[in-house]
Protein backbone atom coordinates (compact mmCIF):
# COMPACT_ATOMS: atom_id res chain seq x y z
CA UNK A 1 -24.12 -4.74 -39.76
CA UNK A 2 -25.97 -1.44 -39.30
CA UNK A 3 -28.88 -2.47 -41.55
CA UNK A 4 -29.53 -5.55 -39.40
CA UNK A 5 -29.32 -3.50 -36.19
CA UNK A 6 -31.73 -0.85 -37.49
CA UNK A 7 -34.21 -3.50 -38.62
CA UNK A 8 -34.01 -5.26 -35.26
CA UNK A 9 -34.55 -1.99 -33.36
CA UNK A 10 -37.60 -1.25 -35.50
CA UNK A 11 -39.08 -4.74 -35.07
CA UNK A 12 -38.51 -4.65 -31.31
CA UNK A 13 -39.91 -1.09 -31.08
CA UNK A 14 -36.84 0.00 -29.13
CA UNK A 15 -37.13 3.59 -27.88
CA UNK A 16 -34.49 6.03 -28.99
CA UNK A 17 -31.82 7.22 -28.60
CA UNK A 18 -29.94 3.95 -28.77
CA UNK A 19 -26.20 3.48 -28.54
CA UNK A 20 -24.73 0.55 -30.41
CA UNK A 21 -21.16 -0.50 -29.73
CA UNK A 22 -18.90 -2.70 -31.81
CA UNK A 23 -17.36 -5.05 -29.26
CA UNK A 24 -14.57 -6.14 -31.60
CA UNK A 25 -13.61 -2.52 -32.29
CA UNK A 26 -13.46 -1.71 -28.57
CA UNK A 27 -11.28 -4.79 -27.95
CA UNK A 28 -9.05 -3.82 -30.88
CA UNK A 29 -8.60 -0.29 -29.48
CA UNK A 30 -7.68 -1.71 -26.06
CA UNK A 31 -5.19 -4.04 -27.71
CA UNK A 32 -3.65 -1.08 -29.57
CA UNK A 33 -3.38 0.92 -26.33
CA UNK A 34 -1.72 -2.03 -24.59
CA UNK A 35 0.75 -2.36 -27.44
CA UNK A 36 1.61 1.34 -27.33
CA UNK A 37 2.04 1.35 -23.55
CA UNK A 38 3.99 -1.91 -23.60
CA UNK A 39 6.45 -0.43 -26.09
CA UNK A 40 7.25 2.33 -23.58
CA UNK A 41 7.24 0.44 -20.28
CA UNK A 42 6.30 -2.89 -18.75
CA UNK A 43 4.72 -1.17 -15.76
CA UNK A 44 1.52 0.52 -16.93
CA UNK A 45 -2.17 0.47 -16.28
CA UNK A 46 -5.05 1.39 -18.54
CA UNK A 47 -8.07 2.57 -16.57
CA UNK A 48 -11.58 3.05 -17.87
CA UNK A 49 -13.66 5.91 -16.49
CA UNK A 50 -16.67 4.00 -15.18
CA UNK A 51 -18.99 7.01 -15.31
CA UNK A 52 -18.50 7.27 -19.08
CA UNK A 53 -20.66 4.21 -19.64
CA UNK A 54 -21.19 1.73 -16.79
CA UNK A 55 -22.71 -0.81 -19.22
CA UNK A 56 -19.39 -1.12 -21.07
CA UNK A 57 -17.30 -1.37 -17.91
CA UNK A 58 -17.58 -5.16 -17.44
CA UNK A 59 -16.36 -5.82 -20.99
CA UNK A 60 -13.54 -3.31 -20.79
CA UNK A 61 -12.49 -4.68 -17.41
CA UNK A 62 -12.54 -8.25 -18.78
CA UNK A 63 -10.14 -7.02 -21.47
CA UNK A 64 -7.61 -6.25 -18.74
CA UNK A 65 -8.33 -2.62 -17.93
CA UNK A 66 -8.75 -1.29 -14.43
CA UNK A 67 -11.62 0.99 -13.46
CA UNK A 68 -11.72 4.56 -12.21
CA UNK A 69 -14.86 5.46 -10.27
CA UNK A 70 -15.98 8.87 -9.05
CA UNK A 71 -18.95 8.13 -6.79
CA UNK A 72 -19.90 5.66 -4.07
CA UNK A 73 -22.80 4.46 -6.23
CA UNK A 74 -20.38 3.54 -9.01
CA UNK A 75 -17.93 2.06 -6.51
CA UNK A 76 -20.66 -0.31 -5.27
CA UNK A 77 -21.39 -1.33 -8.86
CA UNK A 78 -17.72 -1.72 -9.75
CA UNK A 79 -17.05 -3.91 -6.70
CA UNK A 80 -19.53 -6.41 -8.17
CA UNK A 81 -17.54 -6.52 -11.43
CA UNK A 82 -13.99 -6.53 -10.08
CA UNK A 83 -12.65 -9.53 -8.16
CA UNK A 84 -11.17 -8.74 -4.73
CA UNK A 85 -7.62 -9.43 -5.93
CA UNK A 86 -8.10 -6.99 -8.85
CA UNK A 87 -9.48 -4.10 -6.80
CA UNK A 88 -5.97 -2.94 -5.89
CA UNK A 89 -5.54 -1.93 -9.54
CA UNK A 90 -8.67 0.26 -9.57
CA UNK A 91 -9.09 3.71 -8.10
CA UNK A 92 -11.56 6.22 -6.71
CA UNK A 93 -11.26 9.87 -7.67
CA UNK A 94 -13.44 12.81 -6.67
CA UNK A 95 -12.86 16.50 -6.05
CA UNK A 96 -14.98 16.41 -2.87
CA UNK A 97 -13.75 13.54 -0.73
CA UNK A 98 -15.26 13.01 2.74
CA UNK A 99 -14.10 10.94 5.71
CA UNK A 100 -17.13 8.64 5.36
CA UNK A 101 -16.30 8.03 1.69
CA UNK A 102 -12.69 7.26 2.58
CA UNK A 103 -13.81 4.73 5.22
CA UNK A 104 -16.03 2.99 2.69
CA UNK A 105 -13.33 3.00 -0.01
CA UNK A 106 -10.81 1.66 2.53
CA UNK A 107 -13.11 -1.32 3.13
CA UNK A 108 -12.45 -2.25 -0.50
CA UNK A 109 -8.98 -2.43 -1.97
CA UNK A 110 -9.49 0.46 -4.38
CA UNK A 111 -6.78 3.10 -4.38
CA UNK A 112 -7.73 6.70 -3.67
CA UNK A 113 -6.62 9.63 -5.82
CA UNK A 114 -5.87 12.72 -3.74
CA UNK A 115 -6.52 16.09 -5.38
CA UNK A 116 -5.18 18.28 -2.57
CA UNK A 117 -3.04 18.39 0.56
CA UNK A 118 -6.30 18.50 2.55
CA UNK A 119 -7.40 15.18 1.00
CA UNK A 120 -4.00 13.58 1.67
CA UNK A 121 -4.19 14.56 5.32
CA UNK A 122 -7.81 13.41 5.58
CA UNK A 123 -6.99 10.02 4.04
CA UNK A 124 -4.11 9.66 6.50
CA UNK A 125 -6.41 10.52 9.46
CA UNK A 126 -9.01 7.97 8.33
CA UNK A 127 -6.30 5.35 7.83
CA UNK A 128 -5.21 5.93 11.42
CA UNK A 129 -8.78 5.72 12.74
CA UNK A 130 -9.50 2.43 10.93
CA UNK A 131 -5.95 1.13 11.50
CA UNK A 132 -5.35 0.47 7.81
CA UNK A 133 -2.66 1.71 5.47
CA UNK A 134 -4.47 3.22 2.50
CA UNK A 135 -2.97 3.17 -1.00
CA UNK A 136 -3.21 6.53 -2.75
CA UNK A 137 -2.14 8.46 -5.81
CA UNK A 138 -1.57 12.17 -6.22
CA UNK A 139 -3.39 13.89 -9.04
CA UNK A 140 -1.32 16.51 -10.83
CA UNK A 141 -2.77 19.63 -12.41
CA UNK A 142 -0.09 20.32 -14.98
CA UNK A 143 -1.39 23.83 -15.57
CA UNK A 144 -1.71 23.09 -19.27
CA UNK A 145 -4.69 24.74 -20.87
CA UNK A 146 -5.91 22.98 -23.97
CA UNK A 147 -6.90 25.39 -26.69
CA UNK A 148 -10.11 25.02 -28.66
CA UNK A 149 -11.79 22.63 -26.23
CA UNK A 150 -14.15 23.04 -23.29
CA UNK A 151 -12.58 20.03 -21.56
CA UNK A 152 -9.59 21.67 -19.86
CA UNK A 153 -9.49 20.94 -16.13
CA UNK A 154 -6.49 23.14 -15.43
CA UNK A 155 -7.14 25.32 -12.39
CA UNK A 156 -10.38 23.48 -11.56
CA UNK A 157 -9.13 22.23 -8.16
CA UNK A 158 -8.51 18.81 -9.67
CA UNK A 159 -4.98 18.15 -8.60
CA UNK A 160 -1.88 19.61 -7.10
CA UNK A 161 0.56 21.82 -8.92
CA UNK A 162 3.86 20.16 -9.80
CA UNK A 163 5.54 22.32 -7.13
CA UNK A 164 3.04 21.20 -4.44
CA UNK A 165 3.39 17.56 -5.48
CA UNK A 166 7.19 17.73 -5.25
CA UNK A 167 6.94 19.19 -1.74
CA UNK A 168 4.43 16.56 -0.59
CA UNK A 169 6.40 13.69 -2.12
CA UNK A 170 9.49 14.83 -0.22
CA UNK A 171 7.49 14.55 3.03
CA UNK A 172 5.71 11.22 2.48
CA UNK A 173 7.25 9.66 5.57
CA UNK A 174 5.08 11.82 7.82
CA UNK A 175 1.93 10.13 6.44
CA UNK A 176 2.35 6.79 8.21
CA UNK A 177 -1.12 5.49 7.25
CA UNK A 178 -0.66 6.06 3.52
CA UNK A 179 1.08 4.06 0.84
CA UNK A 180 2.06 6.14 -2.18
CA UNK A 181 1.25 4.24 -5.38
CA UNK A 182 1.76 6.76 -8.15
CA UNK A 183 0.66 9.86 -10.01
CA UNK A 184 -2.60 10.42 -11.83
């Protein structure tokens, strides 16, 4: 009820801008996504980009979605939301991954998304140093450029080409401290 919300904001002297979300609509959209994915495969995961709106993350996670985080600050916040046994379904993704970040991520059960061969090798080295097999995904840059939108990430160093990914996947056995989980 927008009229009620506007009146309440005015009475409470709430500063603007204000974002108001319809919880039932968000849950309905998640349900629709689950239905669509479930019609295609039984093995799927819907992940919410935590940085989009951290305040919504707990509700979206409670609805059965995993979380994708892109910073250590957000990882610390997400760890408080996600039970230990659910962390294995969540993942960390950043273009600039450091050894210290990998060590911290490895202390959780979050999966790491690798954007480059360098990151794959670094994750493997850290896994060896901490004596832990680290679950990871490979991010693919499909090379597709979306017309009429500023949101294309093609060529932005966010992922491997399909050719690079195929080559790396054929050599996974040499990365003994990594467990390949999937493709982002």
